[in-house]
Protein backbone atom coordinates (compact mmCIF):
# COMPACT_ATOMS: atom_id res chain seq x y z
CA MET A 1 0.00 0.00 0.00
CA VAL A 2 2.75 2.45 0.95
CA LEU A 3 4.96 1.49 -1.97
CA GLU A 4 2.02 1.83 -4.35
CA SER A 5 1.44 5.38 -3.11
CA ILE A 6 5.11 6.29 -3.53
CA SER A 7 5.14 4.71 -6.99
CA ARG A 8 2.05 6.71 -7.98
CA ILE A 9 3.62 9.95 -6.78
CA ILE A 10 6.87 9.35 -8.68
CA LYS A 11 5.38 7.94 -11.89
CA ILE A 12 2.19 9.98 -12.30
CA GLN A 13 1.85 12.99 -10.01
CA LEU A 14 5.41 14.33 -10.17
CA PRO A 15 5.62 14.34 -14.00
CA ALA A 16 2.19 15.97 -14.18
CA TYR A 17 3.31 18.64 -11.69
CA LEU A 18 6.53 19.31 -13.62
CA LYS A 19 4.64 19.59 -16.95
CA LYS A 20 2.38 22.30 -15.49
CA LEU A 21 5.26 24.45 -14.22
CA PRO A 22 5.86 27.70 -16.10
CA LEU A 23 9.53 27.07 -16.91
CA PRO A 24 10.77 29.56 -19.51
CA GLU A 25 12.99 28.34 -22.31
CA THR A 26 15.53 31.17 -21.92
CA ILE A 27 17.07 32.93 -18.95
CA GLY A 28 15.42 36.16 -20.04
CA GLY A 29 12.06 34.41 -19.76
CA PHE A 30 12.38 34.42 -15.97
CA ALA A 31 12.12 38.22 -16.03
CA ARG A 32 8.75 37.99 -17.76
CA LEU A 33 7.18 35.59 -15.24
CA THR A 34 4.22 36.90 -13.28
CA VAL A 35 3.93 36.76 -9.51
CA SER A 36 1.53 33.80 -9.65
CA GLU A 37 3.96 31.92 -11.92
CA TRP A 38 6.81 32.58 -9.48
CA LEU A 39 4.63 31.27 -6.64
CA ARG A 40 4.03 28.07 -8.60
CA LEU A 41 7.79 27.68 -9.09
CA LEU A 42 8.59 28.33 -5.43
CA PRO A 43 8.28 24.73 -4.11
CA LEU A 44 10.51 23.37 -6.88
CA LEU A 45 13.11 26.12 -6.37
CA GLY A 46 13.08 25.49 -2.61
CA ILE A 47 13.69 21.77 -3.08
CA LEU A 48 16.47 22.44 -5.60
CA ALA A 49 18.13 24.93 -3.21
CA LEU A 50 17.94 22.41 -0.36
CA LEU A 51 19.42 19.64 -2.51
CA GLY A 52 22.20 21.98 -3.66
CA TYR A 53 23.03 22.95 -0.08
CA LEU A 54 23.06 19.32 1.08
CA THR A 55 25.35 18.47 -1.83
CA ILE A 56 27.98 21.13 -1.07
CA ARG A 57 27.69 21.01 2.74
CA PRO A 58 30.40 18.33 3.20
CA PHE A 59 32.85 20.58 1.36
CA LEU A 60 32.16 23.74 3.38
CA PRO A 61 34.72 24.65 6.10
CA LYS A 62 33.70 23.42 9.50
CA LYS A 63 33.51 25.72 12.50
CA LYS A 64 36.39 25.25 14.90
CA LYS A 65 35.29 23.82 18.20
CA GLN A 66 36.63 25.66 21.18
CA ARG A 67 38.92 23.27 23.02
CA ASP A 68 38.01 24.68 26.39
CA SER A 69 35.29 27.08 27.41
CA LEU A 70 37.40 28.42 30.26
CA ILE A 71 39.26 31.66 29.68
CA ASN A 72 41.90 31.16 32.38
CA LEU A 73 43.62 27.89 31.49
CA LYS A 74 46.66 27.94 33.81
CA ILE A 75 47.05 30.96 36.12
CA GLN A 76 46.35 30.25 39.82
CA LYS A 77 43.98 27.39 39.08
CA GLU A 78 43.95 26.35 42.77
CA ASN A 79 42.16 29.61 43.69
CA PRO A 80 38.41 29.95 43.06
CA LYS A 81 38.89 33.61 42.16
CA VAL A 82 42.06 35.28 40.91
CA VAL A 83 42.50 38.83 42.18
CA ASN A 84 45.60 40.99 41.78
CA GLU A 85 46.10 44.51 43.03
CA ILE A 86 48.42 47.10 41.51
CA ASP A 87 49.19 50.48 42.95
CA ILE A 88 48.94 53.09 40.26
CA GLU A 89 52.14 54.64 41.63
CA ASP A 90 54.00 51.45 40.71
CA LEU A 91 53.33 52.04 37.04
CA ARG A 92 56.22 53.90 35.43
CA THR A 93 54.14 55.85 32.92
CA PRO A 94 50.58 57.11 33.19
CA ASN A 95 49.47 55.63 29.84
CA VAL A 96 49.65 51.84 29.83
CA CYS A 97 47.43 48.97 28.80
CA TYR A 98 46.81 46.22 31.31
CA CYS A 99 45.92 42.82 29.85
CA ARG A 100 43.41 40.63 31.71
CA CYS A 101 42.83 38.04 29.00
CA TRP A 102 44.57 35.27 30.99
CA ARG A 103 46.50 34.27 27.89
CA SER A 104 49.71 36.10 28.81
CA LYS A 105 52.52 34.30 30.62
CA THR A 106 52.60 36.57 33.70
CA VAL A 107 50.40 36.21 36.73
CA GLY A 108 47.36 38.46 36.74
CA GLY A 109 47.90 39.89 33.30
CA SER A 110 50.67 41.97 31.86
CA ILE A 111 51.41 45.56 31.07
CA LEU A 112 51.39 45.53 27.28
CA SER A 113 52.77 48.82 26.09
CA ASP A 114 53.31 52.45 26.81
CA LEU A 115 50.78 54.38 24.72
CA ASN A 116 53.13 57.34 24.32
CA GLY A 117 55.85 55.44 22.60
């Protein structure tokens, strides 16, 4: 029963549907299609777009998986919270950048550069 229904769809209904579609013979003919003709083409174009995407999907670059969701991977891991204090007087110049990305090699971040030079 199920196979008969599938066979009927493939052998009879699908060819009849495709014969009724307003497919122009030239590329310029697409510009002359009416809105109702475009709406009749929409299911076919959607299926073709889906099949095209599924075909090229294995060749698309994959997103890199983040190896670890933690930001701080190695600095003071035994502490539940890492806090460092710096006296502003200890800084040699008034214009510095202080890195807190946890990716630098020094504990608690590092002074990156003097903004004046």
